[in-house]
């Protein structure tokens, strides 16, 4: 299994720029049906906190990376319910560690086997400006305001996200964002990314002309 792709119970959860996976946390959820994960997490809230931090980081970099369809694993727990409370509390403790600012770019191309379908994305992620969550968020807000980009803020947990470019319906297409998230993601870029990014950007310009 590659560093950038991990599966929990047969379902891919983190399929975006690589997260430094905690082997113990992943192992706690690696067996059994998906609907059984919340019960196991309630039994091991310390491990559950790390798992939720991994999920939160993945969703920060790729908003489509949810475990339960349109719901995240975190949303399976109610902080007002006594049995659930230790799990989100453990997750929030994980968020007290350093965060980083991440520029993320993706190239979405047509599949070679079937041009009507989207192929596997090419990705680039950089980890910059490691600091406290609040400092990373302020920095991104400042950059976004300077360039006139709208800002999305998760008021509860602290994530700040700015989209510089959103994907279009016609392939190939690009998306580009900057986001703050826990600092565990390493910088990584697939081979030939910059060349492919420049080519796709130029095709996009010509398409709009």
N, C-alpha and C. Protein backbone atom coordinates (compact mmCIF):
# COMPACT_ATOMS: atom_id res chain seq x y z
N UNK A 1 0.85 -1.20 0.00
CA UNK A 1 0.00 0.00 0.00
C UNK A 1 0.88 1.23 0.00
N UNK A 2 0.57 2.20 -0.81
CA UNK A 2 1.41 3.38 -0.94
C UNK A 2 1.28 4.28 0.26
N UNK A 3 2.24 5.21 0.40
CA UNK A 3 2.24 6.11 1.56
C UNK A 3 1.07 7.06 1.53
N UNK A 4 0.51 7.32 0.35
CA UNK A 4 -0.52 8.33 0.24
C UNK A 4 -1.92 7.73 0.19
N UNK A 5 -2.04 6.42 0.43
CA UNK A 5 -3.35 5.79 0.32
C UNK A 5 -3.48 4.79 1.45
N UNK A 6 -4.41 4.97 2.34
CA UNK A 6 -4.66 4.06 3.44
C UNK A 6 -6.13 3.70 3.44
N UNK A 7 -6.44 2.45 3.83
CA UNK A 7 -7.84 2.05 3.89
C UNK A 7 -8.19 1.56 5.28
N UNK A 8 -9.37 1.89 5.71
CA UNK A 8 -9.91 1.44 6.98
C UNK A 8 -11.07 0.51 6.66
N UNK A 9 -10.96 -0.75 7.05
CA UNK A 9 -12.06 -1.66 6.84
C UNK A 9 -12.45 -1.79 5.38
N UNK A 10 -11.48 -1.67 4.48
CA UNK A 10 -11.75 -1.83 3.06
C UNK A 10 -12.20 -0.56 2.37
N UNK A 11 -12.39 0.53 3.11
CA UNK A 11 -12.82 1.80 2.50
C UNK A 11 -11.68 2.80 2.58
N UNK A 12 -11.34 3.39 1.46
CA UNK A 12 -10.25 4.37 1.44
C UNK A 12 -10.68 5.62 2.18
N UNK A 13 -9.88 6.02 3.15
CA UNK A 13 -10.19 7.26 3.88
C UNK A 13 -9.26 8.38 3.44
N UNK A 14 -7.98 8.13 3.43
CA UNK A 14 -7.03 9.18 3.11
C UNK A 14 -6.40 8.89 1.76
N UNK A 15 -6.89 9.55 0.74
CA UNK A 15 -6.39 9.35 -0.62
C UNK A 15 -6.02 10.70 -1.22
N UNK A 16 -5.16 11.39 -0.52
CA UNK A 16 -4.75 12.72 -0.96
C UNK A 16 -3.29 12.86 -0.56
N UNK A 17 -2.75 14.08 -0.53
CA UNK A 17 -1.34 14.20 -0.15
C UNK A 17 -1.06 13.44 1.13
N UNK A 18 0.11 12.79 1.22
CA UNK A 18 0.34 11.78 2.25
C UNK A 18 0.31 12.32 3.66
N UNK A 19 -0.36 11.60 4.53
CA UNK A 19 -0.40 11.90 5.95
C UNK A 19 0.55 10.94 6.65
N UNK A 20 1.28 11.42 7.64
CA UNK A 20 2.17 10.55 8.40
C UNK A 20 1.31 9.70 9.33
N UNK A 21 0.92 8.53 8.88
CA UNK A 21 -0.05 7.73 9.62
C UNK A 21 0.54 7.17 10.90
N UNK A 22 -0.23 7.22 11.94
CA UNK A 22 0.09 6.60 13.20
C UNK A 22 -0.31 5.13 13.09
N UNK A 23 0.67 4.21 13.12
CA UNK A 23 0.36 2.80 12.88
C UNK A 23 -0.63 2.24 13.90
N UNK A 24 -0.49 2.66 15.15
CA UNK A 24 -1.41 2.17 16.18
C UNK A 24 -2.82 2.66 15.91
N UNK A 25 -2.94 3.94 15.51
CA UNK A 25 -4.26 4.50 15.25
C UNK A 25 -4.92 3.82 14.07
N UNK A 26 -4.15 3.61 12.99
CA UNK A 26 -4.71 2.94 11.83
C UNK A 26 -5.07 1.51 12.17
N UNK A 27 -4.21 0.83 12.92
CA UNK A 27 -4.49 -0.56 13.29
C UNK A 27 -5.75 -0.72 14.09
N UNK A 28 -6.09 0.28 14.88
CA UNK A 28 -7.30 0.19 15.70
C UNK A 28 -8.56 0.15 14.86
N UNK A 29 -8.49 0.65 13.63
CA UNK A 29 -9.67 0.70 12.78
C UNK A 29 -9.53 -0.13 11.51
N UNK A 30 -8.55 -1.02 11.47
CA UNK A 30 -8.25 -1.69 10.22
C UNK A 30 -9.06 -2.96 9.99
N UNK A 31 -9.87 -3.37 10.95
CA UNK A 31 -10.63 -4.61 10.80
C UNK A 31 -12.11 -4.36 11.08
N UNK A 32 -12.96 -5.09 10.38
CA UNK A 32 -14.38 -5.06 10.68
C UNK A 32 -15.16 -4.10 9.84
N UNK A 33 -16.48 -4.12 10.01
CA UNK A 33 -17.38 -3.28 9.23
C UNK A 33 -17.22 -1.82 9.64
N UNK A 34 -17.47 -0.92 8.67
CA UNK A 34 -17.30 0.49 8.94
C UNK A 34 -18.22 0.99 10.04
N UNK A 35 -19.43 0.45 10.12
CA UNK A 35 -20.35 0.95 11.13
C UNK A 35 -19.95 0.51 12.54
N UNK A 36 -18.95 -0.37 12.65
CA UNK A 36 -18.47 -0.79 13.97
C UNK A 36 -17.34 0.09 14.47
N UNK A 37 -16.77 0.92 13.60
CA UNK A 37 -15.64 1.77 14.01
C UNK A 37 -15.97 2.68 15.18
N UNK A 38 -17.11 3.40 15.17
CA UNK A 38 -17.38 4.28 16.31
C UNK A 38 -17.39 3.56 17.65
N UNK A 39 -17.92 2.33 17.70
CA UNK A 39 -17.94 1.58 18.96
C UNK A 39 -16.52 1.26 19.41
N UNK A 40 -15.65 0.84 18.48
CA UNK A 40 -14.27 0.55 18.86
C UNK A 40 -13.55 1.81 19.31
N UNK A 41 -13.88 2.93 18.68
CA UNK A 41 -13.24 4.18 19.06
C UNK A 41 -13.67 4.63 20.44
N UNK A 42 -14.91 4.37 20.80
CA UNK A 42 -15.35 4.71 22.16
C UNK A 42 -14.59 3.91 23.20
N UNK A 43 -14.16 2.71 22.82
CA UNK A 43 -13.41 1.86 23.74
C UNK A 43 -11.97 2.33 23.88
N UNK A 44 -11.44 2.99 22.85
CA UNK A 44 -10.04 3.45 22.85
C UNK A 44 -9.99 4.93 22.48
N UNK A 45 -10.47 5.81 23.35
CA UNK A 45 -10.55 7.23 22.97
C UNK A 45 -9.20 7.88 22.67
N UNK A 46 -8.12 7.39 23.31
CA UNK A 46 -6.81 7.99 23.03
C UNK A 46 -6.39 7.74 21.59
N UNK A 47 -6.57 6.51 21.12
CA UNK A 47 -6.28 6.19 19.73
C UNK A 47 -7.28 6.88 18.82
N UNK A 48 -8.54 6.93 19.24
CA UNK A 48 -9.58 7.56 18.43
C UNK A 48 -9.24 9.02 18.15
N UNK A 49 -8.67 9.71 19.11
CA UNK A 49 -8.31 11.12 18.91
C UNK A 49 -7.32 11.28 17.78
N UNK A 50 -6.35 10.36 17.71
CA UNK A 50 -5.36 10.43 16.63
C UNK A 50 -6.00 10.11 15.29
N UNK A 51 -6.90 9.12 15.27
CA UNK A 51 -7.59 8.77 14.03
C UNK A 51 -8.41 9.95 13.52
N UNK A 52 -9.11 10.63 14.42
CA UNK A 52 -9.92 11.78 14.01
C UNK A 52 -9.05 12.94 13.54
N UNK A 53 -7.89 13.08 14.14
CA UNK A 53 -6.96 14.11 13.66
C UNK A 53 -6.48 13.79 12.24
N UNK A 54 -6.21 12.52 11.97
CA UNK A 54 -5.83 12.10 10.62
C UNK A 54 -6.95 12.40 9.63
N UNK A 55 -8.18 12.06 10.02
CA UNK A 55 -9.32 12.31 9.13
C UNK A 55 -9.50 13.81 8.91
N UNK A 56 -9.42 14.59 9.97
CA UNK A 56 -9.61 16.03 9.86
C UNK A 56 -8.56 16.65 8.93
N UNK A 57 -7.32 16.17 9.05
CA UNK A 57 -6.26 16.67 8.19
C UNK A 57 -6.53 16.32 6.74
N UNK A 58 -6.95 15.08 6.50
CA UNK A 58 -7.23 14.65 5.13
C UNK A 58 -8.36 15.46 4.52
N UNK A 59 -9.44 15.67 5.27
CA UNK A 59 -10.57 16.45 4.77
C UNK A 59 -10.16 17.91 4.55
N UNK A 60 -9.27 18.40 5.37
CA UNK A 60 -8.80 19.78 5.19
C UNK A 60 -8.13 19.94 3.84
N UNK A 61 -7.30 18.97 3.46
CA UNK A 61 -6.60 19.04 2.19
C UNK A 61 -7.47 18.62 1.01
N UNK A 62 -8.45 17.76 1.27
CA UNK A 62 -9.37 17.30 0.23
C UNK A 62 -10.76 17.18 0.84
N UNK A 63 -11.63 18.17 0.66
CA UNK A 63 -12.94 18.16 1.31
C UNK A 63 -13.82 16.97 0.94
N UNK A 64 -13.47 16.22 -0.12
CA UNK A 64 -14.27 15.06 -0.52
C UNK A 64 -13.89 13.81 0.24
N UNK A 65 -12.85 13.84 1.05
CA UNK A 65 -12.32 12.63 1.69
C UNK A 65 -13.05 12.32 2.98
N UNK A 66 -14.33 11.98 2.87
CA UNK A 66 -15.14 11.63 4.04
C UNK A 66 -15.36 10.12 4.09
N UNK A 67 -15.38 9.60 5.31
CA UNK A 67 -15.46 8.16 5.50
C UNK A 67 -16.87 7.63 5.33
N UNK A 68 -17.88 8.39 5.74
CA UNK A 68 -19.27 7.94 5.72
C UNK A 68 -20.06 8.74 4.69
N UNK A 69 -19.67 8.66 3.43
CA UNK A 69 -20.40 9.39 2.40
C UNK A 69 -20.25 10.88 2.61
N UNK A 70 -21.38 11.55 2.91
CA UNK A 70 -21.35 12.99 3.13
C UNK A 70 -21.02 13.35 4.57
N UNK A 71 -20.89 12.34 5.44
CA UNK A 71 -20.58 12.60 6.84
C UNK A 71 -19.16 12.15 7.15
N UNK A 72 -18.52 12.85 8.06
CA UNK A 72 -17.19 12.46 8.48
C UNK A 72 -17.29 11.51 9.67
N UNK A 73 -16.19 10.85 9.96
CA UNK A 73 -16.15 9.99 11.14
C UNK A 73 -16.36 10.81 12.41
N UNK A 74 -15.80 12.00 12.43
CA UNK A 74 -15.97 12.87 13.60
C UNK A 74 -17.45 13.15 13.88
N UNK A 75 -18.25 13.26 12.82
CA UNK A 75 -19.67 13.57 12.99
C UNK A 75 -20.48 12.41 13.56
N UNK A 76 -19.84 11.26 13.75
CA UNK A 76 -20.53 10.12 14.36
C UNK A 76 -20.59 10.25 15.89
N UNK A 77 -19.92 11.25 16.44
CA UNK A 77 -19.83 11.39 17.89
C UNK A 77 -20.49 12.68 18.36
N UNK A 78 -21.28 12.56 19.41
CA UNK A 78 -22.02 13.69 19.99
C UNK A 78 -21.34 14.10 21.30
N UNK A 79 -20.68 15.28 21.33
CA UNK A 79 -20.00 15.70 22.56
C UNK A 79 -20.93 15.82 23.76
N UNK A 80 -22.25 15.95 23.51
CA UNK A 80 -23.20 16.04 24.60
C UNK A 80 -23.60 14.71 25.18
N UNK A 81 -23.18 13.63 24.56
CA UNK A 81 -23.51 12.28 25.01
C UNK A 81 -22.35 11.72 25.82
N UNK A 82 -22.63 11.25 27.04
CA UNK A 82 -21.56 10.84 27.95
C UNK A 82 -20.66 9.78 27.35
N UNK A 83 -21.24 8.80 26.66
CA UNK A 83 -20.43 7.72 26.09
C UNK A 83 -19.51 8.21 24.98
N UNK A 84 -19.91 9.28 24.30
CA UNK A 84 -19.12 9.81 23.18
C UNK A 84 -18.08 10.83 23.62
N UNK A 85 -18.32 11.49 24.73
CA UNK A 85 -17.55 12.68 25.09
C UNK A 85 -16.04 12.49 25.08
N UNK A 86 -15.49 11.36 25.57
CA UNK A 86 -14.03 11.23 25.58
C UNK A 86 -13.38 11.24 24.19
N UNK A 87 -14.13 10.83 23.18
CA UNK A 87 -13.55 10.75 21.83
C UNK A 87 -13.30 12.15 21.27
N UNK A 88 -14.32 13.03 21.16
CA UNK A 88 -14.01 14.38 20.67
C UNK A 88 -13.06 15.15 21.58
N UNK A 89 -13.09 14.85 22.88
CA UNK A 89 -12.14 15.51 23.79
C UNK A 89 -10.70 15.12 23.44
N UNK A 90 -10.50 13.83 23.13
CA UNK A 90 -9.18 13.37 22.73
C UNK A 90 -8.76 13.99 21.40
N UNK A 91 -9.71 14.12 20.49
CA UNK A 91 -9.44 14.76 19.19
C UNK A 91 -9.01 16.22 19.39
N UNK A 92 -9.72 16.96 20.22
CA UNK A 92 -9.39 18.35 20.44
C UNK A 92 -8.00 18.50 21.08
N UNK A 93 -7.62 17.54 21.91
CA UNK A 93 -6.28 17.55 22.48
C UNK A 93 -5.23 17.41 21.37
N UNK A 94 -5.51 16.58 20.37
CA UNK A 94 -4.59 16.41 19.25
C UNK A 94 -4.39 17.72 18.49
N UNK A 95 -5.42 18.56 18.48
CA UNK A 95 -5.35 19.81 17.72
C UNK A 95 -4.53 20.88 18.43
N UNK A 96 -4.08 20.62 19.65
CA UNK A 96 -3.26 21.60 20.36
C UNK A 96 -1.80 21.56 19.91
N UNK A 97 -1.43 20.54 19.16
CA UNK A 97 -0.06 20.43 18.65
C UNK A 97 0.12 21.37 17.45
N UNK A 98 1.36 21.55 16.97
CA UNK A 98 1.58 22.51 15.88
C UNK A 98 0.75 22.23 14.63
N UNK A 99 0.43 23.30 13.93
CA UNK A 99 -0.25 23.24 12.63
C UNK A 99 0.70 23.77 11.57
N UNK A 100 0.26 23.69 10.33
CA UNK A 100 1.05 24.22 9.22
C UNK A 100 0.13 24.81 8.18
N UNK A 101 0.72 25.59 7.31
CA UNK A 101 0.02 26.13 6.14
C UNK A 101 0.42 25.27 4.94
N UNK A 102 -0.58 24.80 4.19
CA UNK A 102 -0.32 23.89 3.07
C UNK A 102 -0.86 24.47 1.76
N UNK A 103 -0.03 24.78 0.79
CA UNK A 103 -0.50 24.98 -0.58
C UNK A 103 -0.71 23.60 -1.22
N UNK A 104 -1.89 23.39 -1.81
CA UNK A 104 -2.25 22.11 -2.41
C UNK A 104 -2.71 22.35 -3.84
N UNK A 105 -2.17 21.58 -4.78
CA UNK A 105 -2.59 21.68 -6.18
C UNK A 105 -2.92 20.29 -6.71
N UNK A 106 -3.93 20.22 -7.55
CA UNK A 106 -4.30 18.94 -8.17
C UNK A 106 -4.57 19.13 -9.66
N UNK A 107 -4.14 18.15 -10.43
CA UNK A 107 -4.44 18.09 -11.86
C UNK A 107 -5.41 16.93 -12.06
N UNK A 108 -6.58 17.24 -12.59
CA UNK A 108 -7.61 16.23 -12.82
C UNK A 108 -7.70 15.99 -14.31
N UNK A 109 -7.29 14.82 -14.75
CA UNK A 109 -7.24 14.49 -16.17
C UNK A 109 -8.20 13.36 -16.49
N UNK A 110 -8.46 13.18 -17.77
CA UNK A 110 -9.31 12.08 -18.21
C UNK A 110 -8.54 10.76 -18.10
N UNK A 111 -9.28 9.69 -17.84
CA UNK A 111 -8.68 8.36 -17.77
C UNK A 111 -8.18 7.95 -19.16
N UNK A 112 -7.00 7.33 -19.22
CA UNK A 112 -6.49 6.85 -20.49
C UNK A 112 -7.35 5.70 -21.02
N UNK A 113 -7.88 4.89 -20.11
CA UNK A 113 -8.70 3.75 -20.52
C UNK A 113 -10.07 4.18 -21.00
N UNK A 114 -10.60 5.25 -20.40
CA UNK A 114 -11.93 5.74 -20.76
C UNK A 114 -11.93 7.26 -20.67
N UNK A 115 -11.75 7.96 -21.78
CA UNK A 115 -11.64 9.43 -21.76
C UNK A 115 -12.87 10.14 -21.21
N UNK A 116 -14.01 9.43 -21.08
CA UNK A 116 -15.21 10.06 -20.53
C UNK A 116 -15.18 10.07 -19.01
N UNK A 117 -14.22 9.38 -18.42
CA UNK A 117 -14.13 9.31 -16.96
C UNK A 117 -12.86 9.99 -16.48
N UNK A 118 -12.91 10.43 -15.23
CA UNK A 118 -11.74 11.10 -14.66
C UNK A 118 -10.72 10.07 -14.21
N UNK A 119 -9.46 10.33 -14.51
CA UNK A 119 -8.39 9.45 -14.08
C UNK A 119 -7.90 9.81 -12.68
N UNK A 120 -6.85 9.16 -12.26
CA UNK A 120 -6.29 9.43 -10.93
C UNK A 120 -5.62 10.80 -10.91
N UNK A 121 -5.93 11.64 -9.95
CA UNK A 121 -5.35 12.99 -9.92
C UNK A 121 -3.84 12.96 -9.70
N UNK A 122 -3.18 13.99 -10.19
CA UNK A 122 -1.79 14.26 -9.84
C UNK A 122 -1.81 15.35 -8.78
N UNK A 123 -0.97 15.21 -7.76
CA UNK A 123 -1.05 16.12 -6.62
C UNK A 123 0.31 16.70 -6.25
N UNK A 124 0.23 17.88 -5.68
CA UNK A 124 1.40 18.51 -5.08
C UNK A 124 0.96 19.14 -3.78
N UNK A 125 1.69 18.86 -2.70
CA UNK A 125 1.39 19.49 -1.42
C UNK A 125 2.71 19.95 -0.80
N UNK A 126 2.69 21.14 -0.24
CA UNK A 126 3.87 21.68 0.44
C UNK A 126 3.48 22.02 1.88
N UNK A 127 4.37 21.72 2.79
CA UNK A 127 4.17 22.11 4.19
C UNK A 127 5.04 23.32 4.47
N UNK A 128 4.41 24.43 4.80
CA UNK A 128 5.14 25.66 5.08
C UNK A 128 4.59 26.29 6.36
N UNK A 129 5.37 27.16 6.96
CA UNK A 129 4.95 27.97 8.09
C UNK A 129 4.31 27.12 9.20
N UNK A 130 5.10 26.26 9.84
CA UNK A 130 4.63 25.49 10.99
C UNK A 130 4.56 26.42 12.20
N UNK A 131 3.40 26.40 12.88
CA UNK A 131 3.19 27.31 14.01
C UNK A 131 1.96 26.84 14.77
N UNK A 132 1.49 27.65 15.69
CA UNK A 132 0.22 27.38 16.35
C UNK A 132 -0.91 27.55 15.33
N UNK A 133 -2.02 26.87 15.59
CA UNK A 133 -3.16 26.92 14.67
C UNK A 133 -3.61 28.35 14.43
N UNK A 134 -3.70 29.13 15.48
CA UNK A 134 -4.20 30.51 15.34
C UNK A 134 -3.25 31.36 14.49
N UNK A 135 -1.94 31.16 14.67
CA UNK A 135 -0.97 31.94 13.89
C UNK A 135 -1.01 31.54 12.41
N UNK A 136 -1.13 30.25 12.15
CA UNK A 136 -1.22 29.79 10.75
C UNK A 136 -2.49 30.35 10.10
N UNK A 137 -3.58 30.36 10.86
CA UNK A 137 -4.83 30.89 10.33
C UNK A 137 -4.74 32.38 10.03
N UNK A 138 -4.13 33.14 10.92
CA UNK A 138 -3.97 34.58 10.68
C UNK A 138 -3.13 34.83 9.44
N UNK A 139 -2.09 34.04 9.27
CA UNK A 139 -1.22 34.23 8.11
C UNK A 139 -1.99 33.98 6.81
N UNK A 140 -2.79 32.92 6.79
CA UNK A 140 -3.55 32.62 5.58
C UNK A 140 -4.62 33.68 5.33
N UNK A 141 -5.26 34.16 6.36
CA UNK A 141 -6.24 35.24 6.19
C UNK A 141 -5.59 36.47 5.58
N UNK A 142 -4.40 36.80 6.06
CA UNK A 142 -3.69 37.97 5.55
C UNK A 142 -3.35 37.80 4.07
N UNK A 143 -2.83 36.63 3.72
CA UNK A 143 -2.50 36.36 2.31
C UNK A 143 -3.75 36.44 1.45
N UNK A 144 -4.84 35.84 1.92
CA UNK A 144 -6.08 35.80 1.14
C UNK A 144 -6.66 37.19 0.94
N UNK A 145 -6.67 37.99 2.00
CA UNK A 145 -7.20 39.35 1.88
C UNK A 145 -6.35 40.21 0.94
N UNK A 146 -5.04 40.00 0.98
CA UNK A 146 -4.14 40.77 0.12
C UNK A 146 -4.43 40.51 -1.35
N UNK A 147 -4.81 39.26 -1.67
CA UNK A 147 -5.03 38.89 -3.07
C UNK A 147 -6.51 38.80 -3.44
N UNK A 148 -7.40 39.10 -2.49
CA UNK A 148 -8.82 39.13 -2.79
C UNK A 148 -9.48 37.77 -2.90
N UNK A 149 -8.93 36.74 -2.23
CA UNK A 149 -9.52 35.42 -2.26
C UNK A 149 -10.49 35.25 -1.09
N UNK A 150 -11.64 34.60 -1.31
CA UNK A 150 -12.55 34.34 -0.20
C UNK A 150 -11.96 33.32 0.77
N UNK A 151 -12.36 33.41 2.01
CA UNK A 151 -11.81 32.55 3.06
C UNK A 151 -12.93 31.71 3.68
N UNK A 152 -12.66 30.42 3.87
CA UNK A 152 -13.56 29.53 4.60
C UNK A 152 -12.93 29.25 5.96
N UNK A 153 -13.73 29.37 7.02
CA UNK A 153 -13.19 29.17 8.38
C UNK A 153 -14.03 28.15 9.12
N UNK A 154 -13.37 27.16 9.70
CA UNK A 154 -14.01 26.23 10.62
C UNK A 154 -13.89 26.85 12.01
N UNK A 155 -14.94 27.53 12.44
CA UNK A 155 -14.88 28.27 13.70
C UNK A 155 -14.69 27.34 14.90
N UNK A 156 -15.17 26.11 14.79
CA UNK A 156 -15.10 25.20 15.94
C UNK A 156 -13.69 24.66 16.17
N UNK A 157 -13.04 24.21 15.09
CA UNK A 157 -11.76 23.53 15.27
C UNK A 157 -10.57 24.30 14.71
N UNK A 158 -10.80 25.38 13.97
CA UNK A 158 -9.71 26.29 13.64
C UNK A 158 -9.18 26.28 12.23
N UNK A 159 -9.65 25.37 11.39
CA UNK A 159 -9.12 25.33 10.03
C UNK A 159 -9.50 26.57 9.23
N UNK A 160 -8.56 27.08 8.43
CA UNK A 160 -8.80 28.17 7.50
C UNK A 160 -8.42 27.66 6.11
N UNK A 161 -9.31 27.89 5.12
CA UNK A 161 -9.05 27.41 3.76
C UNK A 161 -9.38 28.50 2.75
N UNK A 162 -8.54 28.61 1.73
CA UNK A 162 -8.75 29.55 0.64
C UNK A 162 -8.59 28.81 -0.68
N UNK A 163 -9.56 28.97 -1.58
CA UNK A 163 -9.47 28.39 -2.92
C UNK A 163 -8.96 29.47 -3.88
N UNK A 164 -7.88 29.18 -4.54
CA UNK A 164 -7.39 30.08 -5.59
C UNK A 164 -7.92 29.68 -6.96
N UNK A 165 -8.20 28.41 -7.10
CA UNK A 165 -8.70 27.90 -8.38
C UNK A 165 -9.55 26.67 -8.08
N UNK A 166 -10.76 26.64 -8.65
CA UNK A 166 -11.64 25.48 -8.47
C UNK A 166 -11.75 24.71 -9.78
N UNK A 167 -11.92 23.40 -9.65
CA UNK A 167 -11.99 22.56 -10.84
C UNK A 167 -13.20 22.91 -11.69
N UNK A 168 -13.06 22.71 -13.00
CA UNK A 168 -14.13 22.90 -13.96
C UNK A 168 -14.65 21.55 -14.40
N UNK A 169 -15.76 21.55 -15.14
CA UNK A 169 -16.37 20.29 -15.54
C UNK A 169 -15.61 19.60 -16.66
N UNK A 170 -14.95 20.39 -17.51
CA UNK A 170 -14.24 19.82 -18.65
C UNK A 170 -12.83 19.42 -18.26
N UNK A 171 -12.42 18.21 -18.65
CA UNK A 171 -11.10 17.69 -18.35
C UNK A 171 -10.14 17.98 -19.51
N UNK A 172 -8.85 18.19 -19.21
CA UNK A 172 -8.27 18.27 -17.87
C UNK A 172 -8.63 19.58 -17.19
N UNK A 173 -8.62 19.55 -15.86
CA UNK A 173 -8.90 20.76 -15.09
C UNK A 173 -8.01 20.78 -13.86
N UNK A 174 -7.94 21.92 -13.22
CA UNK A 174 -7.06 22.11 -12.08
C UNK A 174 -7.84 22.62 -10.89
N UNK A 175 -7.36 22.28 -9.69
CA UNK A 175 -7.79 23.04 -8.52
C UNK A 175 -6.59 23.35 -7.66
N UNK A 176 -6.71 24.45 -6.92
CA UNK A 176 -5.59 24.96 -6.12
C UNK A 176 -6.14 25.63 -4.88
N UNK A 177 -5.59 25.27 -3.73
CA UNK A 177 -6.05 25.85 -2.48
C UNK A 177 -4.88 26.01 -1.53
N UNK A 178 -5.11 26.81 -0.49
CA UNK A 178 -4.21 26.88 0.65
C UNK A 178 -5.05 26.63 1.88
N UNK A 179 -4.51 25.86 2.82
CA UNK A 179 -5.30 25.48 3.98
C UNK A 179 -4.39 25.31 5.19
N UNK A 180 -4.93 25.54 6.36
CA UNK A 180 -4.21 25.25 7.60
C UNK A 180 -4.73 23.93 8.14
N UNK A 181 -3.83 23.13 8.72
CA UNK A 181 -4.20 21.83 9.28
C UNK A 181 -3.06 21.35 10.16
N UNK A 182 -3.28 20.33 10.99
CA UNK A 182 -2.19 19.77 11.78
C UNK A 182 -0.96 19.46 10.93
N UNK A 183 0.21 19.58 11.52
CA UNK A 183 1.46 19.67 10.76
C UNK A 183 2.02 18.33 10.28
N UNK A 184 1.28 17.24 10.41
CA UNK A 184 1.84 15.91 10.17
C UNK A 184 2.03 15.55 8.69
N UNK A 185 1.46 16.31 7.77
CA UNK A 185 1.60 15.99 6.34
C UNK A 185 2.95 16.47 5.84
N UNK A 186 3.66 15.60 5.13
CA UNK A 186 4.96 15.94 4.57
C UNK A 186 4.78 16.52 3.16
N UNK A 187 5.68 17.39 2.77
CA UNK A 187 5.67 17.91 1.40
C UNK A 187 5.91 16.76 0.43
N UNK A 188 5.13 16.75 -0.64
CA UNK A 188 5.31 15.71 -1.65
C UNK A 188 4.73 16.18 -2.97
N UNK A 189 5.43 15.83 -4.04
CA UNK A 189 4.96 16.17 -5.38
C UNK A 189 5.27 14.98 -6.30
N UNK A 190 4.28 14.56 -7.08
CA UNK A 190 4.51 13.45 -7.99
C UNK A 190 5.45 13.88 -9.10
N UNK A 191 6.18 12.94 -9.70
CA UNK A 191 7.10 13.29 -10.79
C UNK A 191 6.36 13.99 -11.95
N UNK A 192 7.04 14.91 -12.57
CA UNK A 192 6.55 15.64 -13.75
C UNK A 192 5.40 16.58 -13.42
N UNK A 193 5.15 16.81 -12.13
CA UNK A 193 3.97 17.61 -11.78
C UNK A 193 4.04 19.01 -12.36
N UNK A 194 5.15 19.70 -12.18
CA UNK A 194 5.24 21.09 -12.62
C UNK A 194 5.04 21.21 -14.12
N UNK A 195 5.62 20.30 -14.87
CA UNK A 195 5.45 20.32 -16.32
C UNK A 195 3.98 20.11 -16.70
N UNK A 196 3.34 19.15 -16.07
CA UNK A 196 1.93 18.87 -16.36
C UNK A 196 1.04 20.03 -15.91
N UNK A 197 1.39 20.66 -14.80
CA UNK A 197 0.61 21.80 -14.31
C UNK A 197 0.67 22.97 -15.31
N UNK A 198 1.86 23.25 -15.80
CA UNK A 198 2.00 24.34 -16.77
C UNK A 198 1.21 24.03 -18.05
N UNK A 199 1.29 22.79 -18.51
CA UNK A 199 0.58 22.41 -19.73
C UNK A 199 -0.93 22.50 -19.54
N UNK A 200 -1.43 22.01 -18.39
CA UNK A 200 -2.87 22.06 -18.14
C UNK A 200 -3.34 23.50 -17.96
N UNK A 201 -2.51 24.34 -17.34
CA UNK A 201 -2.87 25.75 -17.17
C UNK A 201 -3.00 26.43 -18.52
N UNK A 202 -2.08 26.14 -19.43
CA UNK A 202 -2.11 26.75 -20.75
C UNK A 202 -3.33 26.28 -21.54
N UNK A 203 -3.66 24.99 -21.41
CA UNK A 203 -4.85 24.49 -22.10
C UNK A 203 -6.11 25.18 -21.59
N UNK A 204 -6.14 25.43 -20.27
CA UNK A 204 -7.28 26.11 -19.69
C UNK A 204 -7.44 27.53 -20.20
N UNK A 205 -6.31 28.23 -20.37
CA UNK A 205 -6.35 29.59 -20.91
C UNK A 205 -6.86 29.58 -22.33
N UNK A 206 -6.36 28.67 -23.14
CA UNK A 206 -6.79 28.60 -24.54
C UNK A 206 -8.27 28.25 -24.64
N UNK A 207 -8.76 27.40 -23.71
CA UNK A 207 -10.17 27.00 -23.74
C UNK A 207 -11.08 28.19 -23.48
N UNK A 208 -10.62 29.10 -22.62
CA UNK A 208 -11.46 30.26 -22.26
C UNK A 208 -11.41 31.35 -23.32
N UNK A 209 -10.37 31.35 -24.16
CA UNK A 209 -10.24 32.40 -25.18
C UNK A 209 -11.26 32.21 -26.31
